[in-house]
Amino acid sequence: MINPAQPTSAALAFAGVTYKRAPRPLHFREFLKVPESRRHMAMRTLLYQVLSRAFGDRAAVGSDQFVYFRGDDPRRCLAPDAFVRLGATNENFATWKTWERGAPDLAVEIVSQVNRRNDLKLQEYAELGVRELIWFDQEAEVGARLRVWDRHEGDLVERVIEEDRTPSIVLGGTWFIGPSPIDPVSLRLLDAGGQLLLSSEEYEAMAREDAARAREDEAKARERAAQALKRVAELEAELARARQ
C-alpha cells in the first residue's frame, strides 16, 4: 500500500495534491489478430485507397483500426473496414479515440466469413456516433448487397435502397455495386459529378495507359511526319525531272 504521506511520482505532477494509491492505467490495445480472407483484404484495401485519394486532404481515413468510444472502458470499441472523419488531419494514428478526435462521420463494414456469423453492431455504431453506416455483402442477392443506415435523432435508421445504388450523404457522392480490378462485385463510389473515384492502383494503371497512348500517338505522328517528308522529296524529284 502506498503511504499517503509519501506522494507517488504521479501525485507530484499535481501541485501539493497526494493520493492513497497509484492510478490504474487503462490499456487500449492497438491490434488483434483476426482471420481475414484475401478477398476481404483486397476489397478493404481498395476502399481505403479510394477514400484516401479522394478525401485524404480534408479528412482522416482509417481502416481496420480500433475505434474507441468510451474513455473509461477499453471493451467499448469497433474496428470498421473503413472510416472517415471530415475536417480532421489525415495523420498516422494507431487507434482512434472519439473523446480525443471526435466520432467518425462515416463507417463501412464489409461482410466476411468472420462477421457474417455475428449481427451488425448497430447499437454500438449508434453509440459511436457515426452519421452514415455502410454494410456491403458480396455474397448477398442482387438488391441486398448494399445496406445503409443514417443517423436521425440519435438513432441509426436504415434506408430503402433500389438497384444497389444510393447517395452518400456524408461524402456527397453515390455508392453503388460495380466491377473493380479485383472483383466484378465491388463497393464503388462516384463523386458529386458522377465520376468514378479510383484507387491508387487504378489511378496508376490509368496513368500508365495514358503514357503508353501518348507514346503511341507520338510515334504515329513521327511516322506521318517522315512519310510527309518522303512525299515532299518525291515531288521535288519529279519536278526536277520535269524541268529537265
C-alpha atoms as a PDB file:
ATOM      1  CA  MET A   1       0.000   0.000   0.000  1.00  0.00           C
ATOM      2  CA  ILE A   2       1.216   3.479  -0.815  1.00  0.00           C
ATOM      3  CA  ASN A   3       1.854   5.708   2.160  1.00  0.00           C
ATOM      4  CA  PRO A   4      -0.288   8.851   1.749  1.00  0.00           C
ATOM      5  CA  ALA A   5       2.484  10.806   3.414  1.00  0.00           C
ATOM      6  CA  GLN A   6       4.856   9.825   0.590  1.00  0.00           C
ATOM      7  CA  PRO A   7       3.393  11.036  -2.712  1.00  0.00           C
ATOM      8  CA  THR A   8       3.938   8.943  -5.832  1.00  0.00           C
ATOM      9  CA  SER A   9       5.589  10.431  -8.896  1.00  0.00           C
ATOM     10  CA  ALA A  10       2.118  10.718 -10.416  1.00  0.00           C
ATOM     11  CA  ALA A  11       0.907  12.681  -7.407  1.00  0.00           C
ATOM     12  CA  LEU A  12       3.856  15.039  -7.618  1.00  0.00           C
ATOM     13  CA  ALA A  13       2.617  16.152 -11.048  1.00  0.00           C
ATOM     14  CA  PHE A  14      -0.306  17.851  -9.261  1.00  0.00           C
ATOM     15  CA  ALA A  15       0.968  20.693  -7.093  1.00  0.00           C
ATOM     16  CA  GLY A  16       0.570  19.730  -3.476  1.00  0.00           C
ATOM     17  CA  VAL A  17      -2.035  17.009  -4.078  1.00  0.00           C
ATOM     18  CA  THR A  18      -1.403  13.443  -2.844  1.00  0.00           C
ATOM     19  CA  TYR A  19      -3.298  10.200  -3.369  1.00  0.00           C
ATOM     20  CA  LYS A  20      -3.871   6.999  -1.416  1.00  0.00           C
ATOM     21  CA  ARG A  21      -2.986   4.767  -4.377  1.00  0.00           C
ATOM     22  CA  ALA A  22      -1.356   4.942  -7.790  1.00  0.00           C
ATOM     23  CA  PRO A  23      -3.653   5.220 -10.799  1.00  0.00           C
ATOM     24  CA  ARG A  24      -4.544   2.049 -12.698  1.00  0.00           C
ATOM     25  CA  PRO A  25      -3.957   2.952 -16.360  1.00  0.00           C
ATOM     26  CA  LEU A  26      -6.453   1.627 -18.886  1.00  0.00           C
ATOM     27  CA  HIS A  27      -4.963  -0.320 -21.787  1.00  0.00           C
ATOM     28  CA  PHE A  28      -6.412   0.452 -25.204  1.00  0.00           C
ATOM     29  CA  ARG A  29      -4.943  -2.228 -27.453  1.00  0.00           C
ATOM     30  CA  GLU A  30      -3.811  -1.280 -30.937  1.00  0.00           C
ATOM     31  CA  PHE A  31      -4.366  -4.554 -32.785  1.00  0.00           C
ATOM     32  CA  LEU A  32      -5.877  -8.010 -32.544  1.00  0.00           C
ATOM     33  CA  LYS A  33      -5.150 -10.899 -34.870  1.00  0.00           C
ATOM     34  CA  VAL A  34      -8.375 -11.827 -36.653  1.00  0.00           C
ATOM     35  CA  PRO A  35      -8.571 -14.166 -39.686  1.00  0.00           C
ATOM     36  CA  GLU A  36      -9.113 -12.296 -42.937  1.00  0.00           C
ATOM     37  CA  SER A  37      -9.560 -13.762 -46.406  1.00  0.00           C
ATOM     38  CA  ARG A  38      -7.531 -12.433 -49.335  1.00  0.00           C
ATOM     39  CA  ARG A  39     -10.741 -11.313 -50.993  1.00  0.00           C
ATOM     40  CA  HIS A  40     -11.815  -9.334 -47.947  1.00  0.00           C
ATOM     41  CA  MET A  41      -8.372  -7.772 -47.558  1.00  0.00           C
ATOM     42  CA  ALA A  42      -8.292  -6.792 -51.234  1.00  0.00           C
ATOM     43  CA  MET A  43     -11.740  -5.190 -51.047  1.00  0.00           C
ATOM     44  CA  ARG A  44     -10.885  -3.361 -47.835  1.00  0.00           C
ATOM     45  CA  THR A  45      -7.618  -2.096 -49.336  1.00  0.00           C
ATOM     46  CA  LEU A  46      -9.391  -0.922 -52.479  1.00  0.00           C
ATOM     47  CA  LEU A  47     -11.918   1.044 -50.449  1.00  0.00           C
ATOM     48  CA  TYR A  48      -9.227   2.558 -48.195  1.00  0.00           C
ATOM     49  CA  GLN A  49      -7.230   3.706 -51.230  1.00  0.00           C
ATOM     50  CA  VAL A  50     -10.316   5.237 -52.847  1.00  0.00           C
ATOM     51  CA  LEU A  51     -11.272   7.172 -49.722  1.00  0.00           C
ATOM     52  CA  SER A  52      -7.688   8.263 -49.031  1.00  0.00           C
ATOM     53  CA  ARG A  53      -7.114   9.556 -52.573  1.00  0.00           C
ATOM     54  CA  ALA A  54     -10.440  11.372 -52.704  1.00  0.00           C
ATOM     55  CA  PHE A  55     -10.684  12.793 -49.176  1.00  0.00           C
ATOM     56  CA  GLY A  56      -7.259  12.466 -47.541  1.00  0.00           C
ATOM     57  CA  ASP A  57      -6.528  16.169 -47.998  1.00  0.00           C
ATOM     58  CA  ARG A  58      -9.553  17.177 -45.919  1.00  0.00           C
ATOM     59  CA  ALA A  59     -10.386  14.184 -43.733  1.00  0.00           C
ATOM     60  CA  ALA A  60      -8.840  11.458 -41.601  1.00  0.00           C
ATOM     61  CA  VAL A  61      -9.234   7.995 -43.120  1.00  0.00           C
ATOM     62  CA  GLY A  62      -8.744   4.719 -41.267  1.00  0.00           C
ATOM     63  CA  SER A  63      -9.098   1.027 -41.997  1.00  0.00           C
ATOM     64  CA  ASP A  64      -9.376  -1.970 -39.663  1.00  0.00           C
ATOM     65  CA  GLN A  65      -8.190   0.028 -36.655  1.00  0.00           C
ATOM     66  CA  PHE A  66      -9.782   0.091 -33.233  1.00  0.00           C
ATOM     67  CA  VAL A  67     -12.194   2.973 -32.743  1.00  0.00           C
ATOM     68  CA  TYR A  68     -12.834   3.515 -29.022  1.00  0.00           C
ATOM     69  CA  PHE A  69     -15.907   5.399 -27.869  1.00  0.00           C
ATOM     70  CA  ARG A  70     -15.765   5.057 -24.073  1.00  0.00           C
ATOM     71  CA  GLY A  71     -12.773   6.565 -22.310  1.00  0.00           C
ATOM     72  CA  ASP A  72     -13.449   4.504 -19.181  1.00  0.00           C
ATOM     73  CA  ASP A  73     -13.988   1.128 -20.895  1.00  0.00           C
ATOM     74  CA  PRO A  74     -11.500  -0.288 -23.454  1.00  0.00           C
ATOM     75  CA  ARG A  75     -14.004  -3.014 -24.283  1.00  0.00           C
ATOM     76  CA  ARG A  76     -16.270  -0.467 -25.972  1.00  0.00           C
ATOM     77  CA  CYS A  77     -14.730  -0.359 -29.416  1.00  0.00           C
ATOM     78  CA  LEU A  78     -15.292  -1.230 -33.050  1.00  0.00           C
ATOM     79  CA  ALA A  79     -12.939  -1.871 -35.972  1.00  0.00           C
ATOM     80  CA  PRO A  80     -14.646  -0.712 -39.199  1.00  0.00           C
ATOM     81  CA  ASP A  81     -13.168  -1.828 -42.503  1.00  0.00           C
ATOM     82  CA  ALA A  82     -13.033   1.871 -43.364  1.00  0.00           C
ATOM     83  CA  PHE A  83     -13.996   5.106 -41.644  1.00  0.00           C
ATOM     84  CA  VAL A  84     -13.804   8.825 -42.380  1.00  0.00           C
ATOM     85  CA  ARG A  85     -13.751  11.849 -40.107  1.00  0.00           C
ATOM     86  CA  LEU A  86     -14.298  15.010 -42.152  1.00  0.00           C
ATOM     87  CA  GLY A  87     -12.260  18.078 -41.267  1.00  0.00           C
ATOM     88  CA  ALA A  88      -9.614  16.101 -39.367  1.00  0.00           C
ATOM     89  CA  THR A  89      -5.925  15.890 -40.215  1.00  0.00           C
ATOM     90  CA  ASN A  90      -5.071  12.670 -42.033  1.00  0.00           C
ATOM     91  CA  GLU A  91      -2.078  11.813 -39.864  1.00  0.00           C
ATOM     92  CA  ASN A  92      -0.783   8.439 -38.769  1.00  0.00           C
ATOM     93  CA  PHE A  93      -2.661   7.001 -35.798  1.00  0.00           C
ATOM     94  CA  ALA A  94      -2.628   3.571 -34.189  1.00  0.00           C
ATOM     95  CA  THR A  95      -6.132   3.799 -32.714  1.00  0.00           C
ATOM     96  CA  TRP A  96      -8.981   6.290 -32.844  1.00  0.00           C
ATOM     97  CA  LYS A  97     -10.427   7.608 -29.570  1.00  0.00           C
ATOM     98  CA  THR A  98     -13.594   9.607 -30.009  1.00  0.00           C
ATOM     99  CA  TRP A  99     -13.102  11.660 -26.839  1.00  0.00           C
ATOM    100  CA  GLU A 100      -9.835  12.944 -28.351  1.00  0.00           C
ATOM    101  CA  ARG A 101     -10.604  13.105 -32.084  1.00  0.00           C
ATOM    102  CA  GLY A 102     -14.385  13.084 -32.381  1.00  0.00           C
ATOM    103  CA  ALA A 103     -16.644  10.411 -33.855  1.00  0.00           C
ATOM    104  CA  PRO A 104     -16.143   9.203 -37.431  1.00  0.00           C
ATOM    105  CA  ASP A 105     -18.739  10.628 -39.815  1.00  0.00           C
ATOM    106  CA  LEU A 106     -18.761   7.501 -41.955  1.00  0.00           C
ATOM    107  CA  ALA A 107     -18.058   3.819 -41.282  1.00  0.00           C
ATOM    108  CA  VAL A 108     -18.032   0.872 -43.680  1.00  0.00           C
ATOM    109  CA  GLU A 109     -18.411  -2.807 -42.827  1.00  0.00           C
ATOM    110  CA  ILE A 110     -17.518  -5.369 -45.498  1.00  0.00           C
ATOM    111  CA  VAL A 111     -19.147  -8.678 -44.657  1.00  0.00           C
ATOM    112  CA  SER A 112     -16.730 -11.583 -44.269  1.00  0.00           C
ATOM    113  CA  GLN A 113     -16.972 -15.141 -43.048  1.00  0.00           C
ATOM    114  CA  VAL A 114     -15.969 -13.842 -39.605  1.00  0.00           C
ATOM    115  CA  ASN A 115     -18.572 -11.122 -39.129  1.00  0.00           C
ATOM    116  CA  ARG A 116     -21.292 -12.914 -41.129  1.00  0.00           C
ATOM    117  CA  ARG A 117     -21.775 -15.104 -38.068  1.00  0.00           C
ATOM    118  CA  ASN A 118     -22.435 -12.033 -35.937  1.00  0.00           C
ATOM    119  CA  ASP A 119     -25.162  -9.447 -36.030  1.00  0.00           C
ATOM    120  CA  LEU A 120     -24.247  -5.986 -37.230  1.00  0.00           C
ATOM    121  CA  LYS A 121     -23.472  -3.977 -34.120  1.00  0.00           C
ATOM    122  CA  LEU A 122     -25.993  -1.230 -34.776  1.00  0.00           C
ATOM    123  CA  GLN A 123     -26.274  -0.257 -31.127  1.00  0.00           C
ATOM    124  CA  GLU A 124     -22.505   0.128 -30.852  1.00  0.00           C
ATOM    125  CA  TYR A 125     -22.361   2.176 -34.041  1.00  0.00           C
ATOM    126  CA  ALA A 126     -25.183   4.344 -32.753  1.00  0.00           C
ATOM    127  CA  GLU A 127     -23.255   4.861 -29.525  1.00  0.00           C
ATOM    128  CA  LEU A 128     -20.090   5.533 -31.512  1.00  0.00           C
ATOM    129  CA  GLY A 129     -21.875   8.428 -33.212  1.00  0.00           C
ATOM    130  CA  VAL A 130     -21.416   7.745 -36.944  1.00  0.00           C
ATOM    131  CA  ARG A 131     -23.716   9.660 -39.300  1.00  0.00           C
ATOM    132  CA  GLU A 132     -23.613   7.126 -42.146  1.00  0.00           C
ATOM    133  CA  LEU A 133     -23.030   3.374 -41.856  1.00  0.00           C
ATOM    134  CA  ILE A 134     -22.419   1.228 -44.949  1.00  0.00           C
ATOM    135  CA  TRP A 135     -22.909  -2.556 -44.961  1.00  0.00           C
ATOM    136  CA  PHE A 136     -21.608  -4.396 -48.063  1.00  0.00           C
ATOM    137  CA  ASP A 137     -22.123  -8.119 -48.636  1.00  0.00           C
ATOM    138  CA  GLN A 138     -20.667  -9.524 -51.869  1.00  0.00           C
ATOM    139  CA  GLU A 139     -22.410 -12.857 -51.366  1.00  0.00           C
ATOM    140  CA  ALA A 140     -25.913 -11.454 -50.903  1.00  0.00           C
ATOM    141  CA  GLU A 141     -28.535 -11.449 -53.638  1.00  0.00           C
ATOM    142  CA  VAL A 142     -28.826  -8.561 -56.059  1.00  0.00           C
ATOM    143  CA  GLY A 143     -30.715  -5.800 -54.309  1.00  0.00           C
ATOM    144  CA  ALA A 144     -29.493  -6.860 -50.858  1.00  0.00           C
ATOM    145  CA  ARG A 145     -25.738  -6.425 -51.269  1.00  0.00           C
ATOM    146  CA  LEU A 146     -25.747  -2.792 -50.137  1.00  0.00           C
ATOM    147  CA  ARG A 147     -27.382  -1.538 -46.930  1.00  0.00           C
ATOM    148  CA  VAL A 148     -27.050   1.941 -45.451  1.00  0.00           C
ATOM    149  CA  TRP A 149     -28.113   3.487 -42.140  1.00  0.00           C
ATOM    150  CA  ASP A 150     -28.286   7.223 -41.407  1.00  0.00           C
ATOM    151  CA  ARG A 151     -28.311   8.949 -38.050  1.00  0.00           C
ATOM    152  CA  HIS A 152     -31.607  10.656 -37.228  1.00  0.00           C
ATOM    153  CA  GLU A 153     -32.393  11.974 -33.739  1.00  0.00           C
ATOM    154  CA  GLY A 154     -29.683   9.782 -32.221  1.00  0.00           C
ATOM    155  CA  ASP A 155     -30.956   6.627 -33.934  1.00  0.00           C
ATOM    156  CA  LEU A 156     -29.493   4.764 -36.923  1.00  0.00           C
ATOM    157  CA  VAL A 157     -32.305   4.306 -39.434  1.00  0.00           C
ATOM    158  CA  GLU A 158     -31.925   2.009 -42.445  1.00  0.00           C
ATOM    159  CA  ARG A 159     -32.619   3.421 -45.895  1.00  0.00           C
ATOM    160  CA  VAL A 160     -34.726   1.982 -48.665  1.00  0.00           C
ATOM    161  CA  ILE A 161     -32.265   1.188 -51.485  1.00  0.00           C
ATOM    162  CA  GLU A 162     -33.125   0.240 -55.033  1.00  0.00           C
ATOM    163  CA  GLU A 163     -30.832  -1.309 -57.663  1.00  0.00           C
ATOM    164  CA  ASP A 164     -27.788  -1.432 -55.367  1.00  0.00           C
ATOM    165  CA  ARG A 165     -27.297   2.323 -55.643  1.00  0.00           C
ATOM    166  CA  THR A 166     -27.747   5.135 -53.115  1.00  0.00           C
ATOM    167  CA  PRO A 167     -26.314   8.591 -52.321  1.00  0.00           C
ATOM    168  CA  SER A 168     -23.582   9.171 -49.768  1.00  0.00           C
ATOM    169  CA  ILE A 169     -24.971  11.980 -47.638  1.00  0.00           C
ATOM    170  CA  VAL A 170     -21.672  12.387 -45.791  1.00  0.00           C
ATOM    171  CA  LEU A 171     -19.315  12.304 -48.784  1.00  0.00           C
ATOM    172  CA  GLY A 172     -21.589  13.942 -51.335  1.00  0.00           C
ATOM    173  CA  GLY A 173     -21.299  11.202 -53.953  1.00  0.00           C
ATOM    174  CA  THR A 174     -23.035   7.922 -54.775  1.00  0.00           C
ATOM    175  CA  TRP A 175     -22.445   4.392 -53.513  1.00  0.00           C
ATOM    176  CA  PHE A 176     -23.078   1.585 -55.980  1.00  0.00           C
ATOM    177  CA  ILE A 177     -22.178  -2.023 -56.653  1.00  0.00           C
ATOM    178  CA  GLY A 178     -19.987  -2.434 -59.710  1.00  0.00           C
ATOM    179  CA  PRO A 179     -16.823  -4.026 -61.071  1.00  0.00           C
ATOM    180  CA  SER A 180     -13.274  -3.303 -59.964  1.00  0.00           C
ATOM    181  CA  PRO A 181      -9.884  -4.758 -60.936  1.00  0.00           C
ATOM    182  CA  ILE A 182     -10.130  -7.212 -58.037  1.00  0.00           C
ATOM    183  CA  ASP A 183     -13.750  -8.391 -58.269  1.00  0.00           C
ATOM    184  CA  PRO A 184     -16.777  -7.960 -60.557  1.00  0.00           C
ATOM    185  CA  VAL A 185     -18.878  -7.310 -57.441  1.00  0.00           C
ATOM    186  CA  SER A 186     -17.290  -4.434 -55.534  1.00  0.00           C
ATOM    187  CA  LEU A 187     -18.352  -1.473 -53.442  1.00  0.00           C
ATOM    188  CA  ARG A 188     -17.674   1.618 -55.572  1.00  0.00           C
ATOM    189  CA  LEU A 189     -18.133   5.344 -55.114  1.00  0.00           C
ATOM    190  CA  LEU A 190     -18.879   8.159 -57.555  1.00  0.00           C
ATOM    191  CA  ASP A 191     -18.030  11.756 -56.769  1.00  0.00           C
ATOM    192  CA  ALA A 192     -20.612  14.542 -56.794  1.00  0.00           C
ATOM    193  CA  GLY A 193     -20.089  14.969 -60.544  1.00  0.00           C
ATOM    194  CA  GLY A 194     -20.705  11.301 -61.306  1.00  0.00           C
ATOM    195  CA  GLN A 195     -17.059  10.377 -61.903  1.00  0.00           C
ATOM    196  CA  LEU A 196     -15.770   7.074 -60.567  1.00  0.00           C
ATOM    197  CA  LEU A 197     -13.339   7.531 -57.693  1.00  0.00           C
ATOM    198  CA  LEU A 198     -10.253   5.427 -58.342  1.00  0.00           C
ATOM    199  CA  SER A 199      -7.934   3.529 -56.038  1.00  0.00           C
ATOM    200  CA  SER A 200      -4.201   4.235 -56.135  1.00  0.00           C
ATOM    201  CA  GLU A 201      -3.621   1.139 -58.245  1.00  0.00           C
ATOM    202  CA  GLU A 202      -6.372   2.078 -60.682  1.00  0.00           C
ATOM    203  CA  TYR A 203      -5.043   5.629 -60.969  1.00  0.00           C
ATOM    204  CA  GLU A 204      -1.500   4.385 -61.599  1.00  0.00           C
ATOM    205  CA  ALA A 205      -2.751   1.884 -64.186  1.00  0.00           C
ATOM    206  CA  MET A 206      -4.704   4.648 -65.925  1.00  0.00           C
ATOM    207  CA  ALA A 207      -1.609   6.871 -65.860  1.00  0.00           C
ATOM    208  CA  ARG A 208       0.442   4.097 -67.441  1.00  0.00           C
ATOM    209  CA  GLU A 209      -2.213   3.607 -70.124  1.00  0.00           C
ATOM    210  CA  ASP A 210      -2.279   7.348 -70.823  1.00  0.00           C
ATOM    211  CA  ALA A 211       1.521   7.437 -71.056  1.00  0.00           C
ATOM    212  CA  ALA A 212       1.558   4.437 -73.384  1.00  0.00           C
ATOM    213  CA  ARG A 213      -1.158   6.019 -75.523  1.00  0.00           C
ATOM    214  CA  ALA A 214       0.804   9.270 -75.646  1.00  0.00           C
ATOM    215  CA  ARG A 215       3.956   7.410 -76.742  1.00  0.00           C
ATOM    216  CA  GLU A 216       1.954   5.585 -79.389  1.00  0.00           C
ATOM    217  CA  ASP A 217       0.443   8.843 -80.662  1.00  0.00           C
ATOM    218  CA  GLU A 218       3.888  10.442 -80.720  1.00  0.00           C
ATOM    219  CA  ALA A 219       5.303   7.504 -82.695  1.00  0.00           C
ATOM    220  CA  LYS A 220       2.432   7.741 -85.183  1.00  0.00           C
ATOM    221  CA  ALA A 221       2.973  11.474 -85.503  1.00  0.00           C
ATOM    222  CA  ARG A 222       6.687  10.939 -86.232  1.00  0.00           C
ATOM    223  CA  GLU A 223       5.789   8.296 -88.786  1.00  0.00           C
ATOM    224  CA  ARG A 224       3.325  10.652 -90.508  1.00  0.00           C
ATOM    225  CA  ALA A 225       5.936  13.423 -90.494  1.00  0.00           C
ATOM    226  CA  ALA A 226       8.521  11.092 -92.018  1.00  0.00           C
ATOM    227  CA  GLN A 227       6.056   9.988 -94.692  1.00  0.00           C
ATOM    228  CA  ALA A 228       5.220  13.611 -95.445  1.00  0.00           C
ATOM    229  CA  LEU A 229       8.907  14.499 -95.822  1.00  0.00           C
ATOM    230  CA  LYS A 230       9.410  11.475 -98.052  1.00  0.00           C
ATOM    231  CA  ARG A 231       6.492  12.544-100.232  1.00  0.00           C
ATOM    232  CA  VAL A 232       7.871  16.087-100.464  1.00  0.00           C
ATOM    233  CA  ALA A 233      11.215  14.683-101.577  1.00  0.00           C
ATOM    234  CA  GLU A 234       9.496  12.538-104.194  1.00  0.00           C
ATOM    235  CA  LEU A 235       7.535  15.509-105.518  1.00  0.00           C
ATOM    236  CA  GLU A 236      10.687  17.645-105.671  1.00  0.00           C
ATOM    237  CA  ALA A 237      12.455  14.878-107.578  1.00  0.00           C
ATOM    238  CA  GLU A 238       9.550  14.586-110.029  1.00  0.00           C
ATOM    239  CA  LEU A 239       9.549  18.359-110.503  1.00  0.00           C
ATOM    240  CA  ALA A 240      13.276  18.363-111.167  1.00  0.00           C
ATOM    241  CA  ARG A 241      12.921  15.652-113.801  1.00  0.00           C
ATOM    242  CA  ALA A 242      10.069  17.526-115.459  1.00  0.00           C
ATOM    243  CA  ARG A 243      12.209  20.680-115.738  1.00  0.00           C
ATOM    244  CA  GLN A 244      14.926  18.711-117.488  1.00  0.00           C
END
